[in-house]
Amino acid sequence: MSELRHDRTRNFTGGDFFRPQLQFGILNVRQELGAGLSLKVNAFGRHFKAEQFNASLIDDNTRGFTDTTSAGGTLQLSHQGKVAAREPTGRGRGVCLQRR
């Protein structure tokens, strides 16, 4: 039986650790504007921070830090109505803007 199955906290080399932290949030809003128009907003934010240490028997010990923040969102203006006296077919066009 493997040591890992017996004790999940057991390390091959003493002192190893991994300490992750994640904060995440989302926002979805829809507002009817009248005359068949609606505005939809979707936004997210995420922050990930981690510290890791690995002790080595045959090489230098390693210690790593990660600190990453990311965010994004969409803005959509929609119209529900007839075009040339016909109901919409469900086909549409869109634009996607991204900034990195």
C-alpha atoms as a PDB file:
ATOM      1  CA  MET A   1       0.000   0.000   0.000  1.00  0.00           C
ATOM      2  CA  SER A   2       1.381   3.429  -0.899  1.00  0.00           C
ATOM      3  CA  GLU A   3       2.251   5.980   1.773  1.00  0.00           C
ATOM      4  CA  LEU A   4      -0.044   8.494   0.064  1.00  0.00           C
ATOM      5  CA  ARG A   5      -3.093   6.239   0.482  1.00  0.00           C
ATOM      6  CA  HIS A   6      -2.174   5.694   4.112  1.00  0.00           C
ATOM      7  CA  ASP A   7      -1.431   9.340   5.024  1.00  0.00           C
ATOM      8  CA  ARG A   8      -2.348  12.169   2.577  1.00  0.00           C
ATOM      9  CA  THR A   9      -0.198  14.659   4.531  1.00  0.00           C
ATOM     10  CA  ARG A  10       2.984  12.578   4.244  1.00  0.00           C
ATOM     11  CA  ASN A  11       5.824  14.107   2.191  1.00  0.00           C
ATOM     12  CA  PHE A  12       8.697  12.273   0.539  1.00  0.00           C
ATOM     13  CA  THR A  13      10.997  15.056   1.720  1.00  0.00           C
ATOM     14  CA  GLY A  14      10.012  16.793   4.941  1.00  0.00           C
ATOM     15  CA  GLY A  15       9.104  20.453   4.686  1.00  0.00           C
ATOM     16  CA  ASP A  16       7.369  20.391   1.281  1.00  0.00           C
ATOM     17  CA  PHE A  17       4.204  22.458   1.122  1.00  0.00           C
ATOM     18  CA  PHE A  18       1.753  24.077  -1.277  1.00  0.00           C
ATOM     19  CA  ARG A  19      -0.446  26.940  -0.050  1.00  0.00           C
ATOM     20  CA  PRO A  20      -2.944  28.193  -2.697  1.00  0.00           C
ATOM     21  CA  GLN A  21      -5.505  30.998  -2.216  1.00  0.00           C
ATOM     22  CA  LEU A  22      -8.246  31.849  -4.732  1.00  0.00           C
ATOM     23  CA  GLN A  23     -10.763  34.690  -4.718  1.00  0.00           C
ATOM     24  CA  PHE A  24     -13.340  34.727  -7.508  1.00  0.00           C
ATOM     25  CA  GLY A  25     -16.412  36.819  -8.257  1.00  0.00           C
ATOM     26  CA  ILE A  26     -18.934  37.201 -11.064  1.00  0.00           C
ATOM     27  CA  LEU A  27     -21.621  39.731 -11.900  1.00  0.00           C
ATOM     28  CA  ASN A  28     -24.535  39.283 -14.329  1.00  0.00           C
ATOM     29  CA  VAL A  29     -26.994  42.133 -14.953  1.00  0.00           C
ATOM     30  CA  ARG A  30     -29.834  42.499 -17.459  1.00  0.00           C
ATOM     31  CA  GLN A  31     -31.790  45.711 -17.902  1.00  0.00           C
ATOM     32  CA  GLU A  32     -34.841  46.141 -20.142  1.00  0.00           C
ATOM     33  CA  LEU A  33     -34.576  49.493 -21.933  1.00  0.00           C
ATOM     34  CA  GLY A  34     -37.978  49.515 -23.631  1.00  0.00           C
ATOM     35  CA  ALA A  35     -38.950  49.351 -27.313  1.00  0.00           C
ATOM     36  CA  GLY A  36     -37.667  45.757 -27.467  1.00  0.00           C
ATOM     37  CA  LEU A  37     -34.141  46.701 -26.350  1.00  0.00           C
ATOM     38  CA  SER A  38     -32.241  45.124 -23.478  1.00  0.00           C
ATOM     39  CA  LEU A  39     -28.735  45.561 -22.126  1.00  0.00           C
ATOM     40  CA  LYS A  40     -26.795  42.639 -20.637  1.00  0.00           C
ATOM     41  CA  VAL A  41     -23.529  42.916 -18.695  1.00  0.00           C
ATOM     42  CA  ASN A  42     -21.342  40.038 -17.526  1.00  0.00           C
ATOM     43  CA  ALA A  43     -18.138  40.610 -15.559  1.00  0.00           C
ATOM     44  CA  PHE A  44     -15.690  38.472 -13.600  1.00  0.00           C
ATOM     45  CA  GLY A  45     -12.639  38.956 -11.457  1.00  0.00           C
ATOM     46  CA  ARG A  46     -10.176  36.399 -10.143  1.00  0.00           C
ATOM     47  CA  HIS A  47      -7.101  36.578  -7.936  1.00  0.00           C
ATOM     48  CA  PHE A  48      -4.860  33.547  -7.405  1.00  0.00           C
ATOM     49  CA  LYS A  49      -1.937  33.545  -5.030  1.00  0.00           C
ATOM     50  CA  ALA A  50       0.210  30.544  -4.102  1.00  0.00           C
ATOM     51  CA  GLU A  51       3.411  29.698  -2.308  1.00  0.00           C
ATOM     52  CA  GLN A  52       5.181  26.386  -2.797  1.00  0.00           C
ATOM     53  CA  PHE A  53       8.320  24.901  -1.294  1.00  0.00           C
ATOM     54  CA  ASN A  54      10.007  21.670  -2.329  1.00  0.00           C
ATOM     55  CA  ALA A  55      12.944  20.211  -0.412  1.00  0.00           C
ATOM     56  CA  SER A  56      15.318  18.158  -2.533  1.00  0.00           C
ATOM     57  CA  LEU A  57      17.677  15.388  -1.511  1.00  0.00           C
ATOM     58  CA  ILE A  58      19.887  15.599  -4.610  1.00  0.00           C
ATOM     59  CA  ASP A  59      19.563  19.220  -5.817  1.00  0.00           C
ATOM     60  CA  ASP A  60      18.851  22.719  -4.524  1.00  0.00           C
ATOM     61  CA  ASN A  61      15.602  23.295  -2.658  1.00  0.00           C
ATOM     62  CA  THR A  62      13.036  25.326  -4.613  1.00  0.00           C
ATOM     63  CA  ARG A  63      10.568  27.930  -3.468  1.00  0.00           C
ATOM     64  CA  GLY A  64       8.007  29.443  -5.830  1.00  0.00           C
ATOM     65  CA  PHE A  65       5.514  32.261  -5.601  1.00  0.00           C
ATOM     66  CA  THR A  66       2.546  32.925  -7.889  1.00  0.00           C
ATOM     67  CA  ASP A  67       0.372  36.045  -7.799  1.00  0.00           C
ATOM     68  CA  THR A  68      -2.040  36.435 -10.717  1.00  0.00           C
ATOM     69  CA  THR A  69      -5.044  38.715 -11.182  1.00  0.00           C
ATOM     70  CA  SER A  70      -7.385  38.540 -14.159  1.00  0.00           C
ATOM     71  CA  ALA A  71     -10.670  40.163 -15.083  1.00  0.00           C
ATOM     72  CA  GLY A  72     -12.985  40.369 -18.043  1.00  0.00           C
ATOM     73  CA  GLY A  73     -16.501  40.878 -19.173  1.00  0.00           C
ATOM     74  CA  THR A  74     -19.028  41.387 -21.934  1.00  0.00           C
ATOM     75  CA  LEU A  75     -21.556  44.044 -22.832  1.00  0.00           C
ATOM     76  CA  GLN A  76     -24.465  43.081 -25.073  1.00  0.00           C
ATOM     77  CA  LEU A  77     -27.246  45.236 -26.519  1.00  0.00           C
ATOM     78  CA  SER A  78     -30.163  43.174 -27.851  1.00  0.00           C
ATOM     79  CA  HIS A  79     -33.303  44.006 -29.794  1.00  0.00           C
ATOM     80  CA  GLN A  80     -36.338  41.732 -29.910  1.00  0.00           C
ATOM     81  CA  GLY A  81     -38.770  42.570 -32.663  1.00  0.00           C
ATOM     82  CA  LYS A  82     -39.859  42.029 -36.224  1.00  0.00           C
ATOM     83  CA  VAL A  83     -37.691  42.856 -39.202  1.00  0.00           C
ATOM     84  CA  ALA A  84     -39.601  43.545 -42.434  1.00  0.00           C
ATOM     85  CA  ALA A  85     -42.744  42.111 -40.758  1.00  0.00           C
ATOM     86  CA  ARG A  86     -40.979  38.779 -40.018  1.00  0.00           C
ATOM     87  CA  GLU A  87     -40.124  37.149 -36.701  1.00  0.00           C
ATOM     88  CA  PRO A  88     -36.411  36.657 -35.925  1.00  0.00           C
ATOM     89  CA  THR A  89     -34.934  33.347 -37.100  1.00  0.00           C
ATOM     90  CA  GLY A  90     -32.509  32.898 -34.223  1.00  0.00           C
ATOM     91  CA  ARG A  91     -29.487  33.691 -36.369  1.00  0.00           C
ATOM     92  CA  GLY A  92     -27.431  36.670 -35.354  1.00  0.00           C
ATOM     93  CA  ARG A  93     -24.155  38.503 -35.509  1.00  0.00           C
ATOM     94  CA  GLY A  94     -21.907  39.662 -32.715  1.00  0.00           C
ATOM     95  CA  VAL A  95     -18.711  41.456 -31.866  1.00  0.00           C
ATOM     96  CA  CYS A  96     -16.213  40.362 -29.253  1.00  0.00           C
ATOM     97  CA  LEU A  97     -13.587  42.758 -27.903  1.00  0.00           C
ATOM     98  CA  GLN A  98     -10.710  41.539 -25.741  1.00  0.00           C
ATOM     99  CA  ARG A  99      -7.890  43.300 -23.992  1.00  0.00           C
ATOM    100  CA  ARG A 100      -4.951  41.459 -22.488  1.00  0.00           C
END
